[in-house]
């Protein structure tokens, strides 16, 4: 009985230490203004967009290429 208790305690301590060292969170990520969202097309380094896209500036100051 004592052996099982020691084993269970050791396993629980190991799992807790692994969970404490995790660098991920279950908290939802918030969108930070000024960053590109998934699916956004960034302008080229010279400030132009590829064919069929125009430069647009969002209310938060983000510059993206959007379809015409």
Protein backbone atom coordinates (compact mmCIF):
# COMPACT_ATOMS: atom_id res chain seq x y z
CA UNK A 1 0.00 0.00 0.00
CA UNK A 2 2.79 2.38 0.92
CA UNK A 3 4.54 1.63 -2.38
CA UNK A 4 1.44 2.55 -4.41
CA UNK A 5 0.98 5.78 -2.51
CA UNK A 6 4.60 6.75 -3.11
CA UNK A 7 4.29 5.92 -6.81
CA UNK A 8 1.08 7.94 -7.17
CA UNK A 9 2.61 10.91 -5.34
CA UNK A 10 5.72 10.82 -7.53
CA UNK A 11 3.65 10.63 -10.71
CA UNK A 12 1.43 13.52 -9.60
CA UNK A 13 4.46 15.67 -8.75
CA UNK A 14 6.01 14.97 -12.15
CA UNK A 15 2.81 15.91 -13.99
CA UNK A 16 2.42 19.11 -11.98
CA UNK A 17 5.99 20.16 -12.65
CA UNK A 18 5.53 19.56 -16.39
CA UNK A 19 2.33 21.59 -16.40
CA UNK A 20 4.00 24.43 -14.53
CA UNK A 21 6.82 24.63 -17.08
CA UNK A 22 4.51 24.81 -20.08
CA UNK A 23 5.02 27.88 -22.25
CA UNK A 24 1.53 27.74 -23.74
CA UNK A 25 -1.63 29.07 -22.25
CA UNK A 26 -5.29 28.19 -22.51
CA UNK A 27 -6.15 31.88 -22.47
CA UNK A 28 -7.58 33.08 -25.80
CA UNK A 29 -5.23 35.23 -27.84
CA UNK A 30 -6.22 38.84 -28.33
CA UNK A 31 -5.65 40.63 -31.60
CA UNK A 32 -2.97 43.28 -31.26
CA UNK A 33 -3.61 46.43 -33.30
CA UNK A 34 -1.06 47.02 -36.04
CA UNK A 35 -0.39 43.35 -36.75
CA UNK A 36 -1.37 41.35 -39.80
CA UNK A 37 -4.17 38.86 -39.39
CA UNK A 38 -4.27 35.40 -40.93
CA UNK A 39 -4.96 35.75 -44.64
CA UNK A 40 -3.72 39.35 -44.91
CA UNK A 41 -1.35 40.21 -47.74
CA UNK A 42 1.48 42.56 -46.79
CA UNK A 43 2.71 45.19 -49.26
CA UNK A 44 6.03 44.66 -51.04
CA UNK A 45 9.10 46.39 -49.57
CA UNK A 46 8.72 49.17 -52.16
CA UNK A 47 5.15 49.85 -50.93
CA UNK A 48 3.28 48.28 -53.84
CA UNK A 49 0.87 45.37 -54.05
CA UNK A 50 0.75 42.54 -56.57
CA UNK A 51 -1.69 42.69 -59.47
CA UNK A 52 -5.35 42.79 -58.53
CA UNK A 53 -4.66 44.25 -55.07
CA UNK A 54 -4.67 47.83 -53.75
CA UNK A 55 -3.11 49.32 -50.63
CA UNK A 56 -5.54 49.86 -47.76
CA UNK A 57 -4.91 51.36 -44.31
CA UNK A 58 -7.05 50.05 -41.46
CA UNK A 59 -8.33 52.16 -38.59
CA UNK A 60 -5.55 50.81 -36.36
CA UNK A 61 -2.84 51.93 -38.81
CA UNK A 62 -2.10 48.53 -40.35
CA UNK A 63 -1.23 48.77 -44.06
CA UNK A 64 -2.38 45.74 -46.08
CA UNK A 65 -3.08 44.79 -49.69
CA UNK A 66 -6.74 44.06 -50.34
CA UNK A 67 -8.38 42.74 -53.51
CA UNK A 68 -9.76 45.39 -55.86
